Amino acid sequence: MLAVAVCLCAVRNNGKAIVFASAAVLLALELHRCGRSGLGRKLAVLLCICCLPSLAVSAANHLAGAKPLSPREALSLPFQQTARLAAEHPEQIRPEEAEIIGRILDFDSLAEDYDPDISDPVKRKYNEAATREDLAAYLNGWFRQFFRAPGCYIKAVLAQNYYLFYPEYSNATYYFSCVHYDFVCSDRTIHIGSPELISDRLGYYYQRLFSSAHQLPVLYVVNNMTTYIFLFLALCCFASHRRDGRLLGFLFPLLILLLGIPLAPCIKDNGRYLFPLLYAVPLLYAVYSVRTDRT
């Protein structure tokens, strides 16, 4: 479990939230099942699971000379809502609020940069020199603006995330090449990219083959992200109806992952954000089937 927690915190920005929330649910389930027996030992184990992964990732980043993440990575949702408000209801933004937003983002181009499907165009204009006080003032204004145009905020979330529950959209992306990047780590430069033969020649036919296969009736359903989301939600209902706490414990981290998708920069053509859930659903149904047979 500790190794899983370390991997979660290392590979995904939302890994800590999943680990902390899951640890809290596990503790609640154990208290419900066993009462206060061995409470100190259980708390110690859960604290190790929560703290050690963060320490391990921080130590690895320090040793590798990695730069800390920008605060903008955690602000996709409010940035997207602010941009939609600027595009649809600029009259709802007061002059003093526009000045505060301008300390964080490029207010003059905010409405033009807004893309309903992805927040990256807005995030790219983030001012890395912004202070904590600037961010606090912006978030305070963002919260107050919700009550002036709640429909606009809700539509910003729905416009970016309705692909989760819209089976008519093929949300499959096939990566057949990699753009060449130069990553600078301390005093070293790491070159990453695809060979020209794969990128320019074979890659096109590779992509066409899988894209065409994805349109076939049966394969379309099997490869559709929405199929697995509906199956997962149905399994959550089954487990809740049977009051299967152990199975719900397995499902909870994936539910946190799904609920956190609106905080991500996009989901359209980026099913990779849900890969843990998509690949786990068949296994979870197998677990549910075995547990049902035993009862």
Protein backbone atom coordinates (compact mmCIF):
# COMPACT_ATOMS: atom_id res chain seq x y z
CA MET A 1 0.00 0.00 0.00
CA LEU A 2 2.87 2.34 0.79
CA ALA A 3 4.43 1.66 -2.62
CA VAL A 4 1.11 2.42 -4.34
CA ALA A 5 0.81 5.69 -2.41
CA VAL A 6 4.33 6.72 -3.45
CA CYS A 7 3.55 6.00 -7.10
CA LEU A 8 0.28 7.94 -6.90
CA CYS A 9 1.98 11.02 -5.48
CA ALA A 10 4.85 10.75 -7.97
CA VAL A 11 2.96 10.38 -11.25
CA ARG A 12 -0.14 12.53 -10.74
CA ASN A 13 -0.67 15.98 -9.25
CA ASN A 14 -3.93 14.82 -7.66
CA GLY A 15 -2.30 11.75 -6.13
CA LYS A 16 -2.04 13.28 -2.66
CA ALA A 17 -5.75 14.08 -2.57
CA ILE A 18 -6.60 10.49 -3.50
CA VAL A 19 -4.23 9.07 -0.87
CA PHE A 20 -5.44 11.36 1.93
CA ALA A 21 -9.15 10.83 1.17
CA SER A 22 -8.72 7.07 0.83
CA ALA A 23 -6.80 6.90 4.13
CA ALA A 24 -9.64 8.73 5.88
CA VAL A 25 -12.23 6.33 4.44
CA LEU A 26 -10.14 3.29 5.40
CA LEU A 27 -9.88 4.58 8.95
CA ALA A 28 -13.65 5.12 9.10
CA LEU A 29 -14.31 1.60 7.79
CA GLU A 30 -11.91 0.08 10.30
CA LEU A 31 -13.51 2.00 13.17
CA HIS A 32 -16.92 0.82 12.04
CA ARG A 33 -15.74 -2.80 11.76
CA CYS A 34 -13.49 -3.12 14.81
CA GLY A 35 -14.29 -0.12 16.99
CA ARG A 36 -11.38 1.54 18.81
CA SER A 37 -9.38 -1.67 19.10
CA GLY A 38 -5.81 -0.98 17.97
CA LEU A 39 -6.67 2.60 17.04
CA GLY A 40 -3.17 3.95 17.78
CA ARG A 41 -1.49 1.38 15.54
CA LYS A 42 -3.95 2.01 12.70
CA LEU A 43 -3.47 5.76 12.95
CA ALA A 44 0.31 5.31 12.83
CA VAL A 45 0.06 3.17 9.69
CA LEU A 46 -2.24 5.64 7.94
CA LEU A 47 -0.03 8.59 8.88
CA CYS A 48 2.94 6.78 7.35
CA ILE A 49 0.94 6.12 4.19
CA CYS A 50 -0.01 9.81 3.99
CA CYS A 51 3.32 11.41 4.94
CA LEU A 52 6.07 9.15 3.60
CA PRO A 53 5.03 9.38 -0.09
CA SER A 54 5.10 13.18 0.02
CA LEU A 55 8.50 13.14 1.70
CA ALA A 56 9.84 10.61 -0.81
CA VAL A 57 8.63 12.64 -3.81
CA SER A 58 9.98 15.89 -2.33
CA ALA A 59 13.37 14.27 -1.72
CA ALA A 60 13.49 12.87 -5.26
CA ASN A 61 12.62 16.26 -6.75
CA HIS A 62 15.30 17.93 -4.64
CA LEU A 63 17.97 15.43 -5.65
CA ALA A 64 17.02 15.75 -9.33
CA GLY A 65 16.96 19.55 -9.19
CA ALA A 66 13.37 19.60 -10.47
CA LYS A 67 11.55 22.92 -10.47
CA PRO A 68 8.46 23.18 -8.23
CA LEU A 69 5.09 23.12 -9.97
CA SER A 70 3.49 26.44 -10.77
CA PRO A 71 0.36 27.34 -8.76
CA ARG A 72 -1.51 27.58 -12.07
CA GLU A 73 -1.62 23.78 -12.26
CA ALA A 74 -4.15 23.74 -9.43
CA LEU A 75 -6.26 26.62 -10.77
CA SER A 76 -7.65 25.29 -14.04
CA LEU A 77 -11.25 25.40 -12.81
CA PRO A 78 -11.37 28.99 -11.47
CA PHE A 79 -9.34 30.28 -14.44
CA GLN A 80 -11.76 28.66 -16.89
CA GLN A 81 -14.77 30.09 -15.07
CA THR A 82 -13.24 33.56 -14.92
CA ALA A 83 -12.46 33.42 -18.65
CA ARG A 84 -16.02 32.40 -19.53
CA LEU A 85 -17.38 35.18 -17.34
CA ALA A 86 -15.15 37.68 -19.15
CA ALA A 87 -16.34 36.33 -22.52
CA GLU A 88 -20.08 36.18 -21.78
CA HIS A 89 -20.73 38.68 -18.99
CA PRO A 90 -17.90 41.23 -18.83
CA GLU A 91 -20.31 43.69 -17.21
CA GLN A 92 -20.33 41.46 -14.12
CA ILE A 93 -16.63 42.12 -13.51
CA ARG A 94 -16.05 45.35 -11.61
CA PRO A 95 -13.07 47.58 -12.46
CA GLU A 96 -11.28 46.83 -9.19
CA GLU A 97 -11.80 43.08 -9.79
CA ALA A 98 -10.45 43.39 -13.33
CA GLU A 99 -7.32 44.97 -11.88
CA ILE A 100 -6.92 42.07 -9.43
CA ILE A 101 -7.45 39.50 -12.21
CA GLY A 102 -4.84 41.36 -14.26
CA ARG A 103 -2.23 40.60 -11.61
CA ILE A 104 -2.81 36.88 -12.18
CA LEU A 105 -3.83 36.59 -15.85
CA ASP A 106 -3.80 38.74 -18.98
CA PHE A 107 -7.22 40.30 -18.48
CA ASP A 108 -7.28 42.08 -21.86
CA SER A 109 -7.02 38.78 -23.79
CA LEU A 110 -8.99 36.64 -21.32
CA ALA A 111 -12.20 36.48 -23.35
CA GLU A 112 -10.31 35.75 -26.56
CA ASP A 113 -8.21 33.03 -24.95
CA TYR A 114 -11.24 31.18 -23.57
CA ASP A 115 -11.69 27.72 -25.08
CA PRO A 116 -14.68 25.77 -23.68
CA ASP A 117 -12.83 22.45 -24.02
CA ILE A 118 -9.49 23.22 -22.40
CA SER A 119 -8.07 25.71 -19.90
CA ASP A 120 -4.47 25.67 -21.18
CA PRO A 121 -4.80 28.81 -23.37
CA VAL A 122 -5.85 30.77 -20.27
CA LYS A 123 -3.32 29.13 -17.93
CA ARG A 124 -0.45 29.98 -20.26
CA LYS A 125 -1.01 33.67 -19.48
CA TYR A 126 -0.51 33.11 -15.75
CA ASN A 127 1.80 35.64 -14.14
CA GLU A 128 4.48 33.62 -12.35
CA ALA A 129 5.46 36.74 -10.40
CA ALA A 130 2.05 36.85 -8.68
CA THR A 131 2.22 36.77 -4.87
CA ARG A 132 0.14 34.77 -2.43
CA GLU A 133 -1.73 37.96 -1.60
CA ASP A 134 -2.58 38.41 -5.29
CA LEU A 135 -3.87 34.83 -5.49
CA ALA A 136 -5.92 35.26 -2.31
CA ALA A 137 -7.47 38.46 -3.65
CA TYR A 138 -8.24 36.78 -6.98
CA LEU A 139 -9.88 33.74 -5.35
CA ASN A 140 -11.93 36.01 -3.10
CA GLY A 141 -13.23 37.87 -6.16
CA TRP A 142 -13.79 34.62 -8.05
CA PHE A 143 -15.96 33.33 -5.19
CA ARG A 144 -18.05 36.53 -5.03
CA GLN A 145 -18.55 36.61 -8.81
CA PHE A 146 -20.18 33.17 -8.66
CA PHE A 147 -23.24 34.69 -6.97
CA ARG A 148 -23.60 37.26 -9.77
CA ALA A 149 -23.50 34.73 -12.61
CA PRO A 150 -23.83 31.18 -11.21
CA GLY A 151 -25.14 29.87 -14.53
CA CYS A 152 -21.99 31.01 -16.31
CA TYR A 153 -19.77 29.18 -13.81
CA ILE A 154 -21.82 25.99 -14.11
CA LYS A 155 -21.80 26.14 -17.91
CA ALA A 156 -18.01 26.52 -17.90
CA VAL A 157 -17.72 23.23 -15.97
CA LEU A 158 -20.31 21.41 -18.10
CA ALA A 159 -18.88 22.62 -21.42
CA GLN A 160 -15.46 21.23 -20.56
CA ASN A 161 -16.57 17.95 -18.96
CA TYR A 162 -19.76 16.74 -20.64
CA TYR A 163 -17.60 14.36 -22.71
CA LEU A 164 -17.47 12.16 -19.61
CA PHE A 165 -21.14 11.23 -20.07
CA TYR A 166 -21.68 11.71 -23.82
CA PRO A 167 -21.28 8.33 -25.57
CA GLU A 168 -21.72 9.80 -29.06
CA TYR A 169 -18.29 11.43 -28.88
CA SER A 170 -15.27 9.27 -29.64
CA ASN A 171 -12.83 10.34 -26.96
CA ALA A 172 -9.98 8.12 -28.11
CA THR A 173 -6.58 9.59 -28.92
CA TYR A 174 -3.73 7.57 -30.43
CA TYR A 175 -0.26 8.90 -29.79
CA PHE A 176 1.89 7.82 -32.72
CA SER A 177 4.72 10.29 -32.26
CA CYS A 178 6.32 12.59 -29.74
CA VAL A 179 7.35 16.17 -30.35
CA HIS A 180 11.04 16.74 -29.67
CA TYR A 181 11.66 18.34 -26.31
CA ASP A 182 14.77 19.41 -24.47
CA PHE A 183 14.40 19.02 -20.71
CA VAL A 184 16.97 20.87 -18.63
CA CYS A 185 17.61 19.11 -15.31
CA SER A 186 20.30 20.75 -13.18
CA ASP A 187 23.31 20.97 -15.51
CA ARG A 188 22.10 18.24 -17.92
CA THR A 189 19.93 18.47 -21.02
CA ILE A 190 17.74 15.45 -21.85
CA HIS A 191 16.53 15.08 -25.43
CA ILE A 192 13.20 13.34 -25.93
CA GLY A 193 11.42 12.67 -29.23
CA SER A 194 10.35 10.14 -31.83
CA PRO A 195 12.52 8.93 -34.73
CA GLU A 196 11.65 10.74 -37.95
CA LEU A 197 10.62 7.51 -39.70
CA ILE A 198 7.96 6.77 -37.06
CA SER A 199 6.75 10.34 -36.73
CA ASP A 200 6.49 11.32 -40.39
CA ARG A 201 5.81 8.09 -42.29
CA LEU A 202 4.63 5.11 -40.29
CA GLY A 203 2.87 7.27 -37.72
CA TYR A 204 0.21 8.54 -40.12
CA TYR A 205 -0.86 5.03 -41.16
CA TYR A 206 -0.68 3.82 -37.57
CA GLN A 207 -3.08 6.54 -36.49
CA ARG A 208 -5.46 5.94 -39.41
CA LEU A 209 -5.59 2.20 -38.68
CA PHE A 210 -6.63 2.61 -35.06
CA SER A 211 -8.95 5.54 -35.72
CA SER A 212 -10.79 3.53 -38.38
CA ALA A 213 -11.01 0.45 -36.17
CA HIS A 214 -12.44 2.59 -33.39
CA GLN A 215 -15.48 3.40 -35.56
CA LEU A 216 -16.57 -0.26 -35.85
CA PRO A 217 -19.80 -0.94 -33.88
CA VAL A 218 -18.51 -3.31 -31.19
CA LEU A 219 -15.03 -1.83 -30.85
CA TYR A 220 -16.55 1.64 -30.55
CA VAL A 221 -18.38 0.64 -27.37
CA VAL A 222 -15.43 -1.28 -25.92
CA ASN A 223 -13.05 1.64 -26.51
CA ASN A 224 -15.43 4.40 -25.46
CA MET A 225 -14.53 6.15 -22.22
CA THR A 226 -18.18 6.79 -21.33
CA THR A 227 -18.95 3.05 -21.35
CA TYR A 228 -16.55 2.43 -18.49
CA ILE A 229 -17.73 5.47 -16.53
CA PHE A 230 -21.34 4.24 -16.65
CA LEU A 231 -20.23 0.73 -15.69
CA PHE A 232 -18.23 2.13 -12.79
CA LEU A 233 -21.13 4.24 -11.49
CA ALA A 234 -23.43 1.22 -11.79
CA LEU A 235 -20.95 -0.83 -9.76
CA CYS A 236 -20.91 1.89 -7.09
CA CYS A 237 -24.71 1.63 -6.90
CA PHE A 238 -24.56 -2.18 -6.67
CA ALA A 239 -21.99 -2.08 -3.89
CA SER A 240 -23.93 0.58 -1.98
CA HIS A 241 -27.17 -1.39 -2.29
CA ARG A 242 -25.47 -4.52 -0.93
CA ARG A 243 -23.67 -2.44 1.73
CA ASP A 244 -20.41 -4.03 0.69
CA GLY A 245 -17.95 -1.86 2.58
CA ARG A 246 -14.88 -3.74 1.39
CA LEU A 247 -15.78 -3.27 -2.28
CA LEU A 248 -16.67 0.37 -1.67
CA GLY A 249 -13.20 0.79 -0.23
CA PHE A 250 -11.77 -0.37 -3.56
CA LEU A 251 -14.09 1.95 -5.48
CA PHE A 252 -13.54 5.07 -3.41
CA PRO A 253 -10.10 6.13 -4.77
CA LEU A 254 -11.42 5.83 -8.32
CA LEU A 255 -14.51 7.83 -7.38
CA ILE A 256 -12.25 10.60 -6.06
CA LEU A 257 -10.35 10.45 -9.37
CA LEU A 258 -13.59 10.83 -11.35
CA LEU A 259 -14.88 13.67 -9.18
CA GLY A 260 -11.56 15.46 -9.60
CA ILE A 261 -11.73 15.55 -13.40
CA PRO A 262 -13.40 19.02 -13.48
CA LEU A 263 -10.27 20.34 -11.75
CA ALA A 264 -8.11 19.07 -14.64
CA PRO A 265 -7.27 21.27 -17.66
CA CYS A 266 -9.36 19.12 -20.06
CA ILE A 267 -10.87 15.71 -20.72
CA LYS A 268 -11.70 15.98 -24.44
CA ASP A 269 -9.23 13.80 -26.36
CA ASN A 270 -7.40 13.23 -23.08
CA GLY A 271 -8.84 10.02 -21.71
CA ARG A 272 -5.44 9.39 -20.10
CA TYR A 273 -6.66 11.31 -17.05
CA LEU A 274 -9.06 8.42 -16.39
CA PHE A 275 -6.83 5.49 -17.35
CA PRO A 276 -6.70 4.14 -13.76
CA LEU A 277 -10.50 3.94 -13.69
CA LEU A 278 -10.94 2.64 -17.24
CA TYR A 279 -8.47 -0.20 -16.82
CA ALA A 280 -9.70 -1.11 -13.33
CA VAL A 281 -13.41 -1.53 -14.18
CA PRO A 282 -13.17 -5.10 -15.62
CA LEU A 283 -11.15 -6.25 -12.60
CA LEU A 284 -13.60 -4.59 -10.18
CA TYR A 285 -16.52 -6.35 -11.84
CA ALA A 286 -14.67 -9.63 -11.43
CA VAL A 287 -14.18 -8.86 -7.71
CA TYR A 288 -17.88 -7.99 -7.39
CA SER A 289 -18.88 -11.23 -9.14
CA VAL A 290 -16.70 -13.36 -6.84
CA ARG A 291 -17.99 -11.62 -3.71
CA THR A 292 -21.60 -12.02 -4.91
CA ASP A 293 -21.11 -15.74 -5.53
CA ARG A 294 -19.75 -16.22 -2.02
CA THR A 295 -22.84 -14.62 -0.48
